[in-house]
Amino acid sequence: STDPEAQRLFAASLAAHDARDTARSIDLARQAIEHDPHHAEALEHLGTLLITRRRRYAEGLAFIERALAAREDDAGLWYSLGWCREFAAHEIRRRGAGDEPLDPKALYELAADAFRRCLALRPEGKLVDDAADLLDHVENELTSM
């Protein structure tokens, strides 16, 4: 049973995201997590925004890893973690690391691990194909490094 205020703040965060207000969406997701530190959806949403919109890869990945600590059997979360690790690895290779302490090769290896964990949970539907395709892509990237 999730804290109702955390749920309200998370819903507001999603609405801000839909309205393309990334800063407000991030702020509201952080507030939701203050109310419920184990709110997996808010942790995943905040992590993904930090990675894709703010290029704060290490911080964003830490939030998604926190979500997984609460729900280790969630194939969708493993997929998100793999996707975000792959995204960060690709961006760091393309743009440079900036002040991020992350290594693209290690991120690709961790992404492959996350996709394998996702697939081991036997998800159904589109998630299976997406995870398998990205696992192939990540393994190809690793071979070329």
Protein backbone atom coordinates (compact mmCIF):
# COMPACT_ATOMS: atom_id res chain seq x y z
CA SER A 1 0.00 0.00 0.00
CA THR A 2 1.68 3.12 -1.23
CA ASP A 3 1.46 6.42 0.61
CA PRO A 4 -1.51 8.35 -0.93
CA GLU A 5 0.48 11.60 -0.98
CA ALA A 6 3.33 9.83 -2.79
CA GLN A 7 0.79 8.50 -5.31
CA ARG A 8 -0.65 12.00 -5.82
CA LEU A 9 2.81 13.53 -6.29
CA PHE A 10 3.82 10.76 -8.70
CA ALA A 11 0.65 11.28 -10.76
CA ALA A 12 1.43 15.02 -10.84
CA SER A 13 5.00 14.20 -11.92
CA LEU A 14 3.69 12.13 -14.85
CA ALA A 15 1.29 14.94 -15.79
CA ALA A 16 4.17 17.46 -15.75
CA HIS A 17 6.20 15.07 -17.92
CA ASP A 18 3.30 14.77 -20.38
CA ALA A 19 3.19 18.60 -20.46
CA ARG A 20 6.93 18.55 -21.32
CA ASP A 21 7.88 20.25 -18.02
CA THR A 22 10.90 18.10 -17.18
CA ALA A 23 12.12 20.23 -14.27
CA ARG A 24 8.71 20.07 -12.54
CA SER A 25 8.37 16.35 -13.28
CA ILE A 26 11.78 15.70 -11.67
CA ASP A 27 10.90 17.86 -8.65
CA LEU A 28 7.55 16.12 -8.11
CA ALA A 29 9.10 12.65 -8.47
CA ARG A 30 11.69 13.58 -5.82
CA GLN A 31 8.84 14.72 -3.52
CA ALA A 32 6.97 11.45 -4.10
CA ILE A 33 10.12 9.52 -3.11
CA GLU A 34 10.50 11.65 0.03
CA HIS A 35 6.99 10.48 1.04
CA ASP A 36 7.63 6.86 0.03
CA PRO A 37 11.33 5.96 -0.42
CA HIS A 38 10.34 2.58 -1.95
CA HIS A 39 7.93 3.92 -4.61
CA ALA A 40 9.32 1.87 -7.50
CA GLU A 41 7.51 3.74 -10.28
CA ALA A 42 8.65 7.15 -9.00
CA LEU A 43 12.22 5.86 -8.57
CA GLU A 44 12.22 4.48 -12.12
CA HIS A 45 10.66 7.65 -13.57
CA LEU A 46 13.09 9.97 -11.78
CA GLY A 47 16.07 7.83 -12.77
CA THR A 48 15.03 7.73 -16.41
CA LEU A 49 14.51 11.51 -16.53
CA LEU A 50 17.88 12.21 -14.93
CA ILE A 51 19.57 9.92 -17.46
CA THR A 52 17.76 10.94 -20.64
CA ARG A 53 17.01 14.63 -19.95
CA ARG A 54 19.80 15.75 -17.62
CA ARG A 55 22.69 13.41 -18.55
CA ARG A 56 23.15 12.62 -14.85
CA TYR A 57 23.81 8.96 -15.50
CA ALA A 58 25.26 7.71 -12.22
CA GLU A 59 22.57 9.46 -10.16
CA GLY A 60 19.77 8.26 -12.43
CA LEU A 61 20.98 4.66 -12.48
CA ALA A 62 21.17 4.66 -8.68
CA PHE A 63 17.44 5.52 -8.50
CA ILE A 64 16.49 2.69 -10.87
CA GLU A 65 18.69 0.28 -8.89
CA ARG A 66 16.82 1.38 -5.73
CA ALA A 67 13.52 0.56 -7.46
CA LEU A 68 14.85 -2.91 -8.28
CA ALA A 69 15.95 -3.49 -4.70
CA ALA A 70 12.25 -3.30 -3.81
CA ARG A 71 11.02 -5.35 -6.80
CA GLU A 72 13.73 -7.75 -8.00
CA ASP A 73 11.19 -9.91 -9.85
CA ASP A 74 9.94 -7.04 -12.05
CA ALA A 75 11.00 -7.78 -15.65
CA GLY A 76 9.95 -4.28 -16.73
CA LEU A 77 12.29 -2.67 -14.21
CA TRP A 78 15.18 -4.90 -15.34
CA TYR A 79 14.42 -3.83 -18.91
CA SER A 80 14.40 -0.14 -17.90
CA LEU A 81 17.72 -0.54 -16.09
CA GLY A 82 19.26 -2.23 -19.13
CA TRP A 83 17.86 0.39 -21.48
CA CYS A 84 19.15 3.25 -19.31
CA ARG A 85 22.59 1.65 -18.93
CA GLU A 86 22.79 1.20 -22.72
CA PHE A 87 21.65 4.80 -23.26
CA ALA A 88 24.29 6.12 -20.84
CA ALA A 89 27.04 3.97 -22.41
CA HIS A 90 26.11 5.18 -25.90
CA GLU A 91 25.96 8.85 -24.86
CA ILE A 92 29.27 8.70 -22.97
CA ARG A 93 30.95 7.10 -25.99
CA ARG A 94 29.45 9.72 -28.30
CA ARG A 95 29.81 12.88 -26.21
CA GLY A 96 32.46 12.01 -23.63
CA ALA A 97 31.94 11.37 -19.96
CA GLY A 98 31.92 14.95 -18.70
CA ASP A 99 32.15 14.61 -14.93
CA GLU A 100 30.50 11.17 -14.92
CA PRO A 101 32.69 8.43 -13.41
CA LEU A 102 31.16 5.75 -15.62
CA ASP A 103 32.92 3.50 -18.14
CA PRO A 104 30.95 2.71 -21.32
CA LYS A 105 32.27 -0.87 -21.60
CA ALA A 106 31.28 -1.61 -18.00
CA LEU A 107 27.87 -0.02 -18.63
CA TYR A 108 27.32 -2.20 -21.71
CA GLU A 109 28.26 -5.30 -19.68
CA LEU A 110 25.84 -4.26 -16.93
CA ALA A 111 23.16 -3.53 -19.55
CA ALA A 112 23.57 -7.02 -21.00
CA ASP A 113 23.23 -8.45 -17.49
CA ALA A 114 20.02 -6.47 -16.90
CA PHE A 115 18.50 -7.65 -20.20
CA ARG A 116 19.41 -11.27 -19.33
CA ARG A 117 17.78 -10.84 -15.90
CA CYS A 118 14.70 -9.39 -17.60
CA LEU A 119 14.46 -12.34 -20.02
CA ALA A 120 15.09 -14.89 -17.24
CA LEU A 121 11.86 -13.66 -15.60
CA ARG A 122 10.00 -14.81 -18.75
CA PRO A 123 8.10 -11.61 -19.54
CA GLU A 124 5.38 -11.72 -22.18
CA GLY A 125 4.55 -9.70 -25.25
CA LYS A 126 6.63 -6.90 -26.70
CA LEU A 127 9.00 -6.82 -23.71
CA VAL A 128 10.52 -10.18 -24.74
CA ASP A 129 11.39 -9.02 -28.25
CA ASP A 130 12.59 -5.60 -27.10
CA ALA A 131 14.86 -7.08 -24.42
CA ALA A 132 16.23 -9.72 -26.80
CA ASP A 133 16.89 -7.11 -29.51
CA LEU A 134 18.67 -4.79 -27.11
CA LEU A 135 20.68 -7.68 -25.65
CA ASP A 136 21.88 -8.50 -29.19
CA HIS A 137 22.71 -4.83 -29.79
CA VAL A 138 24.66 -4.52 -26.52
CA GLU A 139 26.58 -7.75 -27.17
CA ASN A 140 27.50 -6.42 -30.64
CA GLU A 141 28.71 -3.15 -29.10
CA LEU A 142 30.85 -5.11 -26.63
CA THR A 143 32.38 -7.22 -29.43
CA SER A 144 33.34 -4.05 -31.31
CA MET A 145 35.10 -2.43 -28.31
